[in-house]
Amino acid sequence: MSSIKTAVPERAAPAVHEIDKGMALRKCRKCGCMREALDAARRTFRNAEEQEIRGLLPTIESYQSSMEAIAYDCIGCKKCWGADAIIQLANSFEEVAPSECHGDNARAAKREHVSSATGSQQRCSWPPHPGEYIVGNPVGSVAICTLSNRELPPKLIAAVGADLAIAGRCDTENIGIEKIVLNLLANSHIRWLVLCGVEAVGHRAADAFLRLKERGVDANMRVLEAASWRPVLKNLTLLDAARFREQIEIVNLIGVTAVCEIAKAACEAAKRPTAALSVQSQSSFQTASDVERLQARAPKTLHLDKAGF
């Protein structure tokens, strides 16, 4: 696909540059991230006061017509041209709110993959928090975190069977861990967390999990002695951390990617005895109605975090 040849107004140039580079790649032309970026650019440019920015609409529409059938919502590329285009739009147009790569539709579909032996209430109420995971048997006692490996969760769901409640990935030592902890605490059947796969470069999420279990957190919710850059679990409470340490035992297979070895460890863990949970932890299973739902609204003004996206 050819690049833009005409001059682009300075205000729109950073976003258009990201879109232009991404559209040269076939993987982006099949990705939901780029589709969202093009939709955001079309809305933004159409509503712009400047005639020269509105003049970019034919270019954006031509890119939209060049998109192929969407094959995935997000494949987690290290450089996401679509997400970065939205950030650039947010930098220059205050009505645009920045967002991460979205895979909510795919993730919601994955969450529906549950055992038919469980009731419909349990299917729709757990896990309460979105993430990149596949649900197995919600009454299983084992969860598996494959760290940065995307291809392992579906294979492990098939290999482990009824003992596996959920399998998914985690890149980051803060938000990623928070969501996993909250989902595990919402299901008191889960007593084991298998850490496997390869850590995302620079994040050391597995180390943060181990230190959380061994050492806990300080008053500021920073994981004690964690080697990762920012292991601060600001969306958890001290009680959440304590309950995680009581409920969950960790099986350390960090670096292991062999499905047979991980599945064997998961099945063996499920057979081991565990200490009884306190009454508080036993009653921790949440229904969908227990989770407060907030309506997201675009900010009137935007101040980006200087530490990065």
C-alpha atoms as a PDB file:
ATOM      1  CA  MET A   1       0.000   0.000   0.000  1.00  0.00           C
ATOM      2  CA  SER A   2       1.405   3.419  -0.959  1.00  0.00           C
ATOM      3  CA  SER A   3       2.184   6.086   1.621  1.00  0.00           C
ATOM      4  CA  ILE A   4       0.490   9.479   1.798  1.00  0.00           C
ATOM      5  CA  LYS A   5       2.007  11.844  -0.736  1.00  0.00           C
ATOM      6  CA  THR A   6       0.210  15.097   0.040  1.00  0.00           C
ATOM      7  CA  ALA A   7       1.108  17.549   2.796  1.00  0.00           C
ATOM      8  CA  VAL A   8      -0.561  16.820   6.120  1.00  0.00           C
ATOM      9  CA  PRO A   9      -1.527  19.554   8.613  1.00  0.00           C
ATOM     10  CA  GLU A  10       0.894  19.685  11.513  1.00  0.00           C
ATOM     11  CA  ARG A  11      -1.813  18.975  14.105  1.00  0.00           C
ATOM     12  CA  ALA A  12      -2.885  15.731  12.429  1.00  0.00           C
ATOM     13  CA  ALA A  13       0.511  14.630  11.113  1.00  0.00           C
ATOM     14  CA  PRO A  14       1.638  12.403  14.048  1.00  0.00           C
ATOM     15  CA  ALA A  15      -1.563  10.323  13.977  1.00  0.00           C
ATOM     16  CA  VAL A  16      -1.610  10.111  10.189  1.00  0.00           C
ATOM     17  CA  HIS A  17       2.034   8.991  10.223  1.00  0.00           C
ATOM     18  CA  GLU A  18       1.207   6.102  12.588  1.00  0.00           C
ATOM     19  CA  ILE A  19      -1.778   5.078  10.480  1.00  0.00           C
ATOM     20  CA  ASP A  20       0.199   5.327   7.249  1.00  0.00           C
ATOM     21  CA  LYS A  21       2.999   3.106   8.567  1.00  0.00           C
ATOM     22  CA  GLY A  22       0.558   0.568  10.003  1.00  0.00           C
ATOM     23  CA  MET A  23      -1.512   0.328   6.844  1.00  0.00           C
ATOM     24  CA  ALA A  24       1.599  -0.733   4.958  1.00  0.00           C
ATOM     25  CA  LEU A  25       1.534  -3.956   6.990  1.00  0.00           C
ATOM     26  CA  ARG A  26      -0.981  -6.664   6.182  1.00  0.00           C
ATOM     27  CA  LYS A  27      -1.216  -7.742   9.827  1.00  0.00           C
ATOM     28  CA  CYS A  28      -2.469  -4.228  10.683  1.00  0.00           C
ATOM     29  CA  ARG A  29      -5.001  -4.270   7.841  1.00  0.00           C
ATOM     30  CA  LYS A  30      -6.571  -7.331   9.495  1.00  0.00           C
ATOM     31  CA  CYS A  31      -6.410  -6.009  13.097  1.00  0.00           C
ATOM     32  CA  GLY A  32      -9.136  -4.485  15.241  1.00  0.00           C
ATOM     33  CA  CYS A  33      -6.625  -1.998  16.681  1.00  0.00           C
ATOM     34  CA  MET A  34      -6.159  -0.350  13.290  1.00  0.00           C
ATOM     35  CA  ARG A  35      -9.875  -0.413  12.577  1.00  0.00           C
ATOM     36  CA  GLU A  36     -10.500   1.481  15.831  1.00  0.00           C
ATOM     37  CA  ALA A  37      -7.751   3.971  14.973  1.00  0.00           C
ATOM     38  CA  LEU A  38      -9.280   4.628  11.546  1.00  0.00           C
ATOM     39  CA  ASP A  39     -12.751   5.012  13.056  1.00  0.00           C
ATOM     40  CA  ALA A  40     -11.379   7.466  15.637  1.00  0.00           C
ATOM     41  CA  ALA A  41      -9.478   9.429  12.974  1.00  0.00           C
ATOM     42  CA  ARG A  42     -12.546   9.629  10.735  1.00  0.00           C
ATOM     43  CA  ARG A  43     -14.735  10.957  13.574  1.00  0.00           C
ATOM     44  CA  THR A  44     -12.071  13.405  14.720  1.00  0.00           C
ATOM     45  CA  PHE A  45     -11.190  14.792  11.304  1.00  0.00           C
ATOM     46  CA  ARG A  46     -14.849  15.058  10.269  1.00  0.00           C
ATOM     47  CA  ASN A  47     -15.597  17.217  13.329  1.00  0.00           C
ATOM     48  CA  ALA A  48     -12.483  19.371  13.076  1.00  0.00           C
ATOM     49  CA  GLU A  49     -12.911  23.103  12.544  1.00  0.00           C
ATOM     50  CA  GLU A  50      -9.933  23.356  10.199  1.00  0.00           C
ATOM     51  CA  GLN A  51     -10.797  22.776   6.553  1.00  0.00           C
ATOM     52  CA  GLU A  52      -7.373  21.242   5.857  1.00  0.00           C
ATOM     53  CA  ILE A  53      -7.935  18.596   8.540  1.00  0.00           C
ATOM     54  CA  ARG A  54     -11.410  17.789   7.223  1.00  0.00           C
ATOM     55  CA  GLY A  55      -9.681  17.431   3.878  1.00  0.00           C
ATOM     56  CA  LEU A  56      -7.950  14.316   5.218  1.00  0.00           C
ATOM     57  CA  LEU A  57     -11.259  12.430   5.332  1.00  0.00           C
ATOM     58  CA  PRO A  58     -10.912  10.932   1.806  1.00  0.00           C
ATOM     59  CA  THR A  59      -7.508   9.558   2.779  1.00  0.00           C
ATOM     60  CA  ILE A  60      -8.842   7.942   5.948  1.00  0.00           C
ATOM     61  CA  GLU A  61     -11.856   6.554   4.096  1.00  0.00           C
ATOM     62  CA  SER A  62      -9.581   5.066   1.437  1.00  0.00           C
ATOM     63  CA  TYR A  63      -7.632   3.340   4.208  1.00  0.00           C
ATOM     64  CA  GLN A  64     -10.897   2.031   5.671  1.00  0.00           C
ATOM     65  CA  SER A  65     -11.833   0.569   2.312  1.00  0.00           C
ATOM     66  CA  SER A  66      -8.396  -1.081   2.143  1.00  0.00           C
ATOM     67  CA  MET A  67      -8.903  -2.923   5.420  1.00  0.00           C
ATOM     68  CA  GLU A  68      -9.276  -6.678   5.117  1.00  0.00           C
ATOM     69  CA  ALA A  69     -11.668  -8.886   7.081  1.00  0.00           C
ATOM     70  CA  ILE A  70     -10.767  -8.502  10.760  1.00  0.00           C
ATOM     71  CA  ALA A  71      -8.922 -11.642  11.835  1.00  0.00           C
ATOM     72  CA  TYR A  72      -8.187 -10.602  15.416  1.00  0.00           C
ATOM     73  CA  ASP A  73      -8.986  -7.766  17.799  1.00  0.00           C
ATOM     74  CA  CYS A  74      -5.393  -7.474  19.014  1.00  0.00           C
ATOM     75  CA  ILE A  75      -2.346  -9.716  18.750  1.00  0.00           C
ATOM     76  CA  GLY A  76      -0.240  -7.755  21.223  1.00  0.00           C
ATOM     77  CA  CYS A  77       2.440  -6.462  18.865  1.00  0.00           C
ATOM     78  CA  LYS A  78       5.376  -4.791  20.600  1.00  0.00           C
ATOM     79  CA  LYS A  79       4.743  -1.764  18.355  1.00  0.00           C
ATOM     80  CA  CYS A  80       1.018  -1.238  17.805  1.00  0.00           C
ATOM     81  CA  TRP A  81       0.499   1.345  15.055  1.00  0.00           C
ATOM     82  CA  GLY A  82      -3.235   1.509  15.719  1.00  0.00           C
ATOM     83  CA  ALA A  83      -2.948   2.143  19.460  1.00  0.00           C
ATOM     84  CA  ASP A  84      -0.165   4.674  18.919  1.00  0.00           C
ATOM     85  CA  ALA A  85      -2.291   6.486  16.327  1.00  0.00           C
ATOM     86  CA  ILE A  86      -5.059   6.871  18.907  1.00  0.00           C
ATOM     87  CA  ILE A  87      -2.520   8.229  21.412  1.00  0.00           C
ATOM     88  CA  GLN A  88      -1.354  10.792  18.859  1.00  0.00           C
ATOM     89  CA  LEU A  89      -4.961  11.776  18.164  1.00  0.00           C
ATOM     90  CA  ALA A  90      -5.489  12.223  21.905  1.00  0.00           C
ATOM     91  CA  ASN A  91      -2.375  14.386  22.108  1.00  0.00           C
ATOM     92  CA  SER A  92      -3.696  16.773  19.466  1.00  0.00           C
ATOM     93  CA  PHE A  93      -7.477  16.577  19.765  1.00  0.00           C
ATOM     94  CA  GLU A  94      -8.878  16.887  23.275  1.00  0.00           C
ATOM     95  CA  GLU A  95     -12.135  15.097  22.437  1.00  0.00           C
ATOM     96  CA  VAL A  96     -10.208  11.845  21.863  1.00  0.00           C
ATOM     97  CA  ALA A  97      -9.489   9.608  24.861  1.00  0.00           C
ATOM     98  CA  PRO A  98      -6.410   7.347  24.609  1.00  0.00           C
ATOM     99  CA  SER A  99      -6.992   3.623  24.858  1.00  0.00           C
ATOM    100  CA  GLU A 100      -5.075   0.385  24.945  1.00  0.00           C
ATOM    101  CA  CYS A 101      -5.301  -2.250  22.256  1.00  0.00           C
ATOM    102  CA  HIS A 102      -8.808  -3.664  22.595  1.00  0.00           C
ATOM    103  CA  GLY A 103      -9.628  -7.341  22.511  1.00  0.00           C
ATOM    104  CA  ASP A 104     -12.790  -7.247  24.619  1.00  0.00           C
ATOM    105  CA  ASN A 105     -14.978  -9.060  22.102  1.00  0.00           C
ATOM    106  CA  ALA A 106     -12.545 -11.930  21.715  1.00  0.00           C
ATOM    107  CA  ARG A 107     -11.926 -12.086  25.430  1.00  0.00           C
ATOM    108  CA  ALA A 108     -15.634 -12.132  26.179  1.00  0.00           C
ATOM    109  CA  ALA A 109     -16.042 -15.025  23.774  1.00  0.00           C
ATOM    110  CA  LYS A 110     -13.215 -16.881  25.480  1.00  0.00           C
ATOM    111  CA  ARG A 111     -14.833 -16.380  28.866  1.00  0.00           C
ATOM    112  CA  GLU A 112     -17.908 -18.173  27.568  1.00  0.00           C
ATOM    113  CA  HIS A 113     -15.838 -21.348  27.035  1.00  0.00           C
ATOM    114  CA  VAL A 114     -16.768 -23.038  30.316  1.00  0.00           C
ATOM    115  CA  SER A 115     -17.707 -26.508  31.453  1.00  0.00           C
ATOM    116  CA  SER A 116     -21.341 -27.443  30.789  1.00  0.00           C
ATOM    117  CA  ALA A 117     -21.418 -29.060  34.225  1.00  0.00           C
ATOM    118  CA  THR A 118     -21.471 -25.642  35.918  1.00  0.00           C
ATOM    119  CA  GLY A 119     -24.609 -23.538  36.304  1.00  0.00           C
ATOM    120  CA  SER A 120     -25.468 -20.582  34.093  1.00  0.00           C
ATOM    121  CA  GLN A 121     -25.061 -18.183  37.042  1.00  0.00           C
ATOM    122  CA  GLN A 122     -21.443 -19.246  37.495  1.00  0.00           C
ATOM    123  CA  ARG A 123     -20.758 -18.952  33.760  1.00  0.00           C
ATOM    124  CA  CYS A 124     -21.822 -15.319  33.625  1.00  0.00           C
ATOM    125  CA  SER A 125     -20.425 -14.216  36.995  1.00  0.00           C
ATOM    126  CA  TRP A 126     -16.873 -15.555  36.949  1.00  0.00           C
ATOM    127  CA  PRO A 127     -14.313 -14.323  36.157  1.00  0.00           C
ATOM    128  CA  PRO A 128     -15.553 -10.839  37.101  1.00  0.00           C
ATOM    129  CA  HIS A 129     -12.638  -8.990  35.470  1.00  0.00           C
ATOM    130  CA  PRO A 130     -11.653  -8.977  31.775  1.00  0.00           C
ATOM    131  CA  GLY A 131      -8.291 -10.251  30.638  1.00  0.00           C
ATOM    132  CA  GLU A 132      -6.490 -12.420  28.107  1.00  0.00           C
ATOM    133  CA  TYR A 133      -7.558 -15.832  29.327  1.00  0.00           C
ATOM    134  CA  ILE A 134      -9.632 -18.902  28.524  1.00  0.00           C
ATOM    135  CA  VAL A 135     -11.974 -20.376  31.113  1.00  0.00           C
ATOM    136  CA  GLY A 136     -11.882 -24.124  31.617  1.00  0.00           C
ATOM    137  CA  ASN A 137     -13.755 -25.740  34.509  1.00  0.00           C
ATOM    138  CA  PRO A 138     -14.674 -23.005  37.042  1.00  0.00           C
ATOM    139  CA  VAL A 139     -14.686 -25.531  39.893  1.00  0.00           C
ATOM    140  CA  GLY A 140     -11.175 -26.714  39.069  1.00  0.00           C
ATOM    141  CA  SER A 141      -8.483 -26.027  41.660  1.00  0.00           C
ATOM    142  CA  VAL A 142      -5.679 -24.912  39.320  1.00  0.00           C
ATOM    143  CA  ALA A 143      -5.045 -21.701  37.390  1.00  0.00           C
ATOM    144  CA  ILE A 144      -2.189 -21.311  34.922  1.00  0.00           C
ATOM    145  CA  CYS A 145      -0.425 -18.071  34.011  1.00  0.00           C
ATOM    146  CA  THR A 146       1.662 -18.417  30.847  1.00  0.00           C
ATOM    147  CA  LEU A 147       3.290 -14.980  31.287  1.00  0.00           C
ATOM    148  CA  SER A 148       4.033 -13.556  27.815  1.00  0.00           C
ATOM    149  CA  ASN A 149       3.206 -16.758  25.890  1.00  0.00           C
ATOM    150  CA  ARG A 150       0.012 -16.415  23.871  1.00  0.00           C
ATOM    151  CA  GLU A 151      -0.131 -19.831  22.265  1.00  0.00           C
ATOM    152  CA  LEU A 152      -0.078 -21.903  25.467  1.00  0.00           C
ATOM    153  CA  PRO A 153      -3.495 -21.218  27.131  1.00  0.00           C
ATOM    154  CA  PRO A 154      -5.708 -23.051  24.590  1.00  0.00           C
ATOM    155  CA  LYS A 155      -3.295 -25.977  24.469  1.00  0.00           C
ATOM    156  CA  LEU A 156      -3.254 -26.241  28.266  1.00  0.00           C
ATOM    157  CA  ILE A 157      -7.035 -26.047  28.536  1.00  0.00           C
ATOM    158  CA  ALA A 158      -7.209 -29.074  26.235  1.00  0.00           C
ATOM    159  CA  ALA A 159      -4.354 -30.964  27.921  1.00  0.00           C
ATOM    160  CA  VAL A 160      -5.157 -30.540  31.624  1.00  0.00           C
ATOM    161  CA  GLY A 161      -8.898 -31.144  31.669  1.00  0.00           C
ATOM    162  CA  ALA A 162     -11.251 -30.722  34.626  1.00  0.00           C
ATOM    163  CA  ASP A 163      -8.557 -29.702  37.123  1.00  0.00           C
ATOM    164  CA  LEU A 164      -7.876 -26.457  35.226  1.00  0.00           C
ATOM    165  CA  ALA A 165     -10.173 -23.537  36.024  1.00  0.00           C
ATOM    166  CA  ILE A 166      -8.541 -20.888  33.853  1.00  0.00           C
ATOM    167  CA  ALA A 167      -5.421 -20.326  31.756  1.00  0.00           C
ATOM    168  CA  GLY A 168      -4.161 -16.987  30.518  1.00  0.00           C
ATOM    169  CA  ARG A 169      -1.228 -14.685  30.087  1.00  0.00           C
ATOM    170  CA  CYS A 170       0.212 -11.748  32.025  1.00  0.00           C
ATOM    171  CA  ASP A 171       2.769  -9.245  30.749  1.00  0.00           C
ATOM    172  CA  THR A 172       2.857  -6.607  33.468  1.00  0.00           C
ATOM    173  CA  GLU A 173       3.856  -6.584  37.127  1.00  0.00           C
ATOM    174  CA  ASN A 174       1.030  -4.255  38.174  1.00  0.00           C
ATOM    175  CA  ILE A 175      -2.273  -4.154  36.259  1.00  0.00           C
ATOM    176  CA  GLY A 176      -1.795  -7.683  34.927  1.00  0.00           C
ATOM    177  CA  ILE A 177      -1.181  -9.112  38.389  1.00  0.00           C
ATOM    178  CA  GLU A 178      -4.058  -7.130  39.871  1.00  0.00           C
ATOM    179  CA  LYS A 179      -6.597  -8.632  37.475  1.00  0.00           C
ATOM    180  CA  ILE A 180      -5.315 -12.154  38.001  1.00  0.00           C
ATOM    181  CA  VAL A 181      -5.392 -11.804  41.786  1.00  0.00           C
ATOM    182  CA  LEU A 182      -8.938 -10.424  41.756  1.00  0.00           C
ATOM    183  CA  ASN A 183     -10.187 -13.200  39.477  1.00  0.00           C
ATOM    184  CA  LEU A 184      -8.551 -15.899  41.600  1.00  0.00           C
ATOM    185  CA  LEU A 185      -9.929 -14.444  44.829  1.00  0.00           C
ATOM    186  CA  ALA A 186     -13.391 -14.415  43.262  1.00  0.00           C
ATOM    187  CA  ASN A 187     -13.306 -18.210  43.066  1.00  0.00           C
ATOM    188  CA  SER A 188     -12.396 -20.047  46.274  1.00  0.00           C
ATOM    189  CA  HIS A 189     -12.155 -23.354  44.381  1.00  0.00           C
ATOM    190  CA  ILE A 190      -8.811 -22.210  42.935  1.00  0.00           C
ATOM    191  CA  ARG A 191      -5.890 -23.056  45.226  1.00  0.00           C
ATOM    192  CA  TRP A 192      -2.947 -23.372  42.814  1.00  0.00           C
ATOM    193  CA  LEU A 193      -1.332 -20.974  40.369  1.00  0.00           C
ATOM    194  CA  VAL A 194       1.164 -22.440  37.914  1.00  0.00           C
ATOM    195  CA  LEU A 195       3.610 -19.861  36.554  1.00  0.00           C
ATOM    196  CA  CYS A 196       5.102 -20.938  33.246  1.00  0.00           C
ATOM    197  CA  GLY A 197       6.235 -19.539  29.932  1.00  0.00           C
ATOM    198  CA  VAL A 198       8.613 -16.638  29.414  1.00  0.00           C
ATOM    199  CA  GLU A 199       8.432 -13.292  31.198  1.00  0.00           C
ATOM    200  CA  ALA A 200       7.853 -10.145  29.132  1.00  0.00           C
ATOM    201  CA  VAL A 201      11.101  -8.233  28.728  1.00  0.00           C
ATOM    202  CA  GLY A 202      11.533  -5.573  31.409  1.00  0.00           C
ATOM    203  CA  HIS A 203       8.477  -6.451  33.486  1.00  0.00           C
ATOM    204  CA  ARG A 204       9.421  -9.518  35.595  1.00  0.00           C
ATOM    205  CA  ALA A 205       5.773 -10.309  36.372  1.00  0.00           C
ATOM    206  CA  ALA A 206       6.615 -13.842  37.523  1.00  0.00           C
ATOM    207  CA  ASP A 207       9.141 -12.536  40.041  1.00  0.00           C
ATOM    208  CA  ALA A 208       6.503 -10.122  41.358  1.00  0.00           C
ATOM    209  CA  PHE A 209       4.065 -13.033  41.806  1.00  0.00           C
ATOM    210  CA  LEU A 210       6.656 -15.015  43.748  1.00  0.00           C
ATOM    211  CA  ARG A 211       7.556 -12.076  45.979  1.00  0.00           C
ATOM    212  CA  LEU A 212       3.865 -11.303  46.565  1.00  0.00           C
ATOM    213  CA  LYS A 213       3.359 -14.841  47.832  1.00  0.00           C
ATOM    214  CA  GLU A 214       6.578 -14.954  49.881  1.00  0.00           C
ATOM    215  CA  ARG A 215       6.856 -11.404  51.210  1.00  0.00           C
ATOM    216  CA  GLY A 216       3.562  -9.593  50.642  1.00  0.00           C
ATOM    217  CA  VAL A 217       3.247  -5.831  50.141  1.00  0.00           C
ATOM    218  CA  ASP A 218       4.071  -2.653  52.051  1.00  0.00           C
ATOM    219  CA  ALA A 219       1.584   0.031  53.088  1.00  0.00           C
ATOM    220  CA  ASN A 220       1.757   1.570  49.603  1.00  0.00           C
ATOM    221  CA  MET A 221       0.876  -1.780  47.988  1.00  0.00           C
ATOM    222  CA  ARG A 222       4.346  -2.215  46.535  1.00  0.00           C
ATOM    223  CA  VAL A 223       5.394  -5.865  46.371  1.00  0.00           C
ATOM    224  CA  LEU A 224       8.283  -6.320  48.783  1.00  0.00           C
ATOM    225  CA  GLU A 225      11.679  -7.169  47.270  1.00  0.00           C
ATOM    226  CA  ALA A 226      10.264  -7.533  43.748  1.00  0.00           C
ATOM    227  CA  ALA A 227      12.848  -7.095  41.011  1.00  0.00           C
ATOM    228  CA  SER A 228      10.413  -5.607  38.496  1.00  0.00           C
ATOM    229  CA  TRP A 229      10.283  -1.921  37.659  1.00  0.00           C
ATOM    230  CA  ARG A 230       6.890  -0.884  39.064  1.00  0.00           C
ATOM    231  CA  PRO A 231       5.322  -3.719  41.134  1.00  0.00           C
ATOM    232  CA  VAL A 232       2.679  -1.471  42.730  1.00  0.00           C
ATOM    233  CA  LEU A 233      -0.773  -3.061  43.059  1.00  0.00           C
ATOM    234  CA  LYS A 234      -2.746   0.127  43.589  1.00  0.00           C
ATOM    235  CA  ASN A 235      -6.093  -1.463  42.689  1.00  0.00           C
ATOM    236  CA  LEU A 236      -5.765  -4.128  45.396  1.00  0.00           C
ATOM    237  CA  THR A 237      -6.083  -3.764  49.155  1.00  0.00           C
ATOM    238  CA  LEU A 238      -3.957  -5.129  51.959  1.00  0.00           C
ATOM    239  CA  LEU A 239      -6.770  -7.598  52.598  1.00  0.00           C
ATOM    240  CA  ASP A 240      -6.675  -8.759  48.971  1.00  0.00           C
ATOM    241  CA  ALA A 241      -2.939  -9.382  49.235  1.00  0.00           C
ATOM    242  CA  ALA A 242      -3.378 -11.315  52.481  1.00  0.00           C
ATOM    243  CA  ARG A 243      -6.182 -13.415  51.029  1.00  0.00           C
ATOM    244  CA  PHE A 244      -4.104 -14.208  47.940  1.00  0.00           C
ATOM    245  CA  ARG A 245      -1.222 -15.398  50.119  1.00  0.00           C
ATOM    246  CA  GLU A 246      -3.590 -17.590  52.128  1.00  0.00           C
ATOM    247  CA  GLN A 247      -5.587 -19.043  49.250  1.00  0.00           C
ATOM    248  CA  ILE A 248      -3.021 -19.552  46.489  1.00  0.00           C
ATOM    249  CA  GLU A 249       0.015 -21.831  46.342  1.00  0.00           C
ATOM    250  CA  ILE A 250       2.409 -21.208  43.458  1.00  0.00           C
ATOM    251  CA  VAL A 251       4.057 -23.829  41.256  1.00  0.00           C
ATOM    252  CA  ASN A 252       7.199 -22.295  39.757  1.00  0.00           C
ATOM    253  CA  LEU A 253       7.719 -23.433  36.165  1.00  0.00           C
ATOM    254  CA  ILE A 254       9.020 -20.077  34.921  1.00  0.00           C
ATOM    255  CA  GLY A 255      10.710 -20.558  31.565  1.00  0.00           C
ATOM    256  CA  VAL A 256       8.987 -23.876  30.841  1.00  0.00           C
ATOM    257  CA  THR A 257       6.928 -23.949  27.629  1.00  0.00           C
ATOM    258  CA  ALA A 258       6.454 -27.703  27.105  1.00  0.00           C
ATOM    259  CA  VAL A 259       2.715 -28.397  27.293  1.00  0.00           C
ATOM    260  CA  CYS A 260       3.150 -31.953  28.616  1.00  0.00           C
ATOM    261  CA  GLU A 261       5.408 -30.816  31.466  1.00  0.00           C
ATOM    262  CA  ILE A 262       3.104 -27.964  32.492  1.00  0.00           C
ATOM    263  CA  ALA A 263      -0.009 -30.163  32.274  1.00  0.00           C
ATOM    264  CA  LYS A 264       1.620 -32.853  34.398  1.00  0.00           C
ATOM    265  CA  ALA A 265       2.571 -30.316  37.093  1.00  0.00           C
ATOM    266  CA  ALA A 266      -0.968 -28.876  37.092  1.00  0.00           C
ATOM    267  CA  CYS A 267      -2.577 -32.299  37.533  1.00  0.00           C
ATOM    268  CA  GLU A 268      -0.147 -33.207  40.296  1.00  0.00           C
ATOM    269  CA  ALA A 269      -0.842 -29.946  42.120  1.00  0.00           C
ATOM    270  CA  ALA A 270      -4.591 -30.588  41.988  1.00  0.00           C
ATOM    271  CA  LYS A 271      -4.078 -33.844  43.891  1.00  0.00           C
ATOM    272  CA  ARG A 272      -2.071 -32.285  46.727  1.00  0.00           C
ATOM    273  CA  PRO A 273      -3.791 -31.340  49.986  1.00  0.00           C
ATOM    274  CA  THR A 274      -4.148 -27.672  50.895  1.00  0.00           C
ATOM    275  CA  ALA A 275      -4.914 -25.932  54.173  1.00  0.00           C
ATOM    276  CA  ALA A 276      -8.524 -25.005  54.843  1.00  0.00           C
ATOM    277  CA  LEU A 277      -9.420 -21.420  54.007  1.00  0.00           C
ATOM    278  CA  SER A 278     -10.745 -18.953  56.537  1.00  0.00           C
ATOM    279  CA  VAL A 279     -14.482 -18.252  56.474  1.00  0.00           C
ATOM    280  CA  GLN A 280     -13.809 -14.891  54.835  1.00  0.00           C
ATOM    281  CA  SER A 281     -11.910 -16.447  51.956  1.00  0.00           C
ATOM    282  CA  GLN A 282     -14.445 -19.241  51.527  1.00  0.00           C
ATOM    283  CA  SER A 283     -17.174 -16.666  50.927  1.00  0.00           C
ATOM    284  CA  SER A 284     -15.147 -14.683  48.414  1.00  0.00           C
ATOM    285  CA  PHE A 285     -16.908 -15.948  45.276  1.00  0.00           C
ATOM    286  CA  GLN A 286     -18.538 -12.900  43.687  1.00  0.00           C
ATOM    287  CA  THR A 287     -21.574 -12.755  41.478  1.00  0.00           C
ATOM    288  CA  ALA A 288     -21.860 -10.293  38.642  1.00  0.00           C
ATOM    289  CA  SER A 289     -24.167  -8.097  40.719  1.00  0.00           C
ATOM    290  CA  ASP A 290     -21.478  -7.718  43.389  1.00  0.00           C
ATOM    291  CA  VAL A 291     -19.160  -5.890  40.984  1.00  0.00           C
ATOM    292  CA  GLU A 292     -19.818  -2.175  40.667  1.00  0.00           C
ATOM    293  CA  ARG A 293     -20.182  -1.104  37.050  1.00  0.00           C
ATOM    294  CA  LEU A 294     -19.033   2.398  36.144  1.00  0.00           C
ATOM    295  CA  GLN A 295     -19.829   4.214  32.911  1.00  0.00           C
ATOM    296  CA  ALA A 296     -16.685   5.413  31.145  1.00  0.00           C
ATOM    297  CA  ARG A 297     -16.753   9.014  29.941  1.00  0.00           C
ATOM    298  CA  ALA A 298     -14.252  10.852  27.792  1.00  0.00           C
ATOM    299  CA  PRO A 299     -12.378  13.562  29.737  1.00  0.00           C
ATOM    300  CA  LYS A 300     -12.875  17.212  28.851  1.00  0.00           C
ATOM    301  CA  THR A 301      -9.146  17.775  29.182  1.00  0.00           C
ATOM    302  CA  LEU A 302      -6.329  15.309  28.836  1.00  0.00           C
ATOM    303  CA  HIS A 303      -2.958  15.203  30.609  1.00  0.00           C
ATOM    304  CA  LEU A 304      -0.816  12.257  29.511  1.00  0.00           C
ATOM    305  CA  ASP A 305       1.436  10.507  32.005  1.00  0.00           C
ATOM    306  CA  LYS A 306       5.029  11.558  31.281  1.00  0.00           C
ATOM    307  CA  ALA A 307       6.194   8.104  32.401  1.00  0.00           C
ATOM    308  CA  GLY A 308       4.674   6.663  29.245  1.00  0.00           C
ATOM    309  CA  PHE A 309       1.627   4.788  27.965  1.00  0.00           C
END
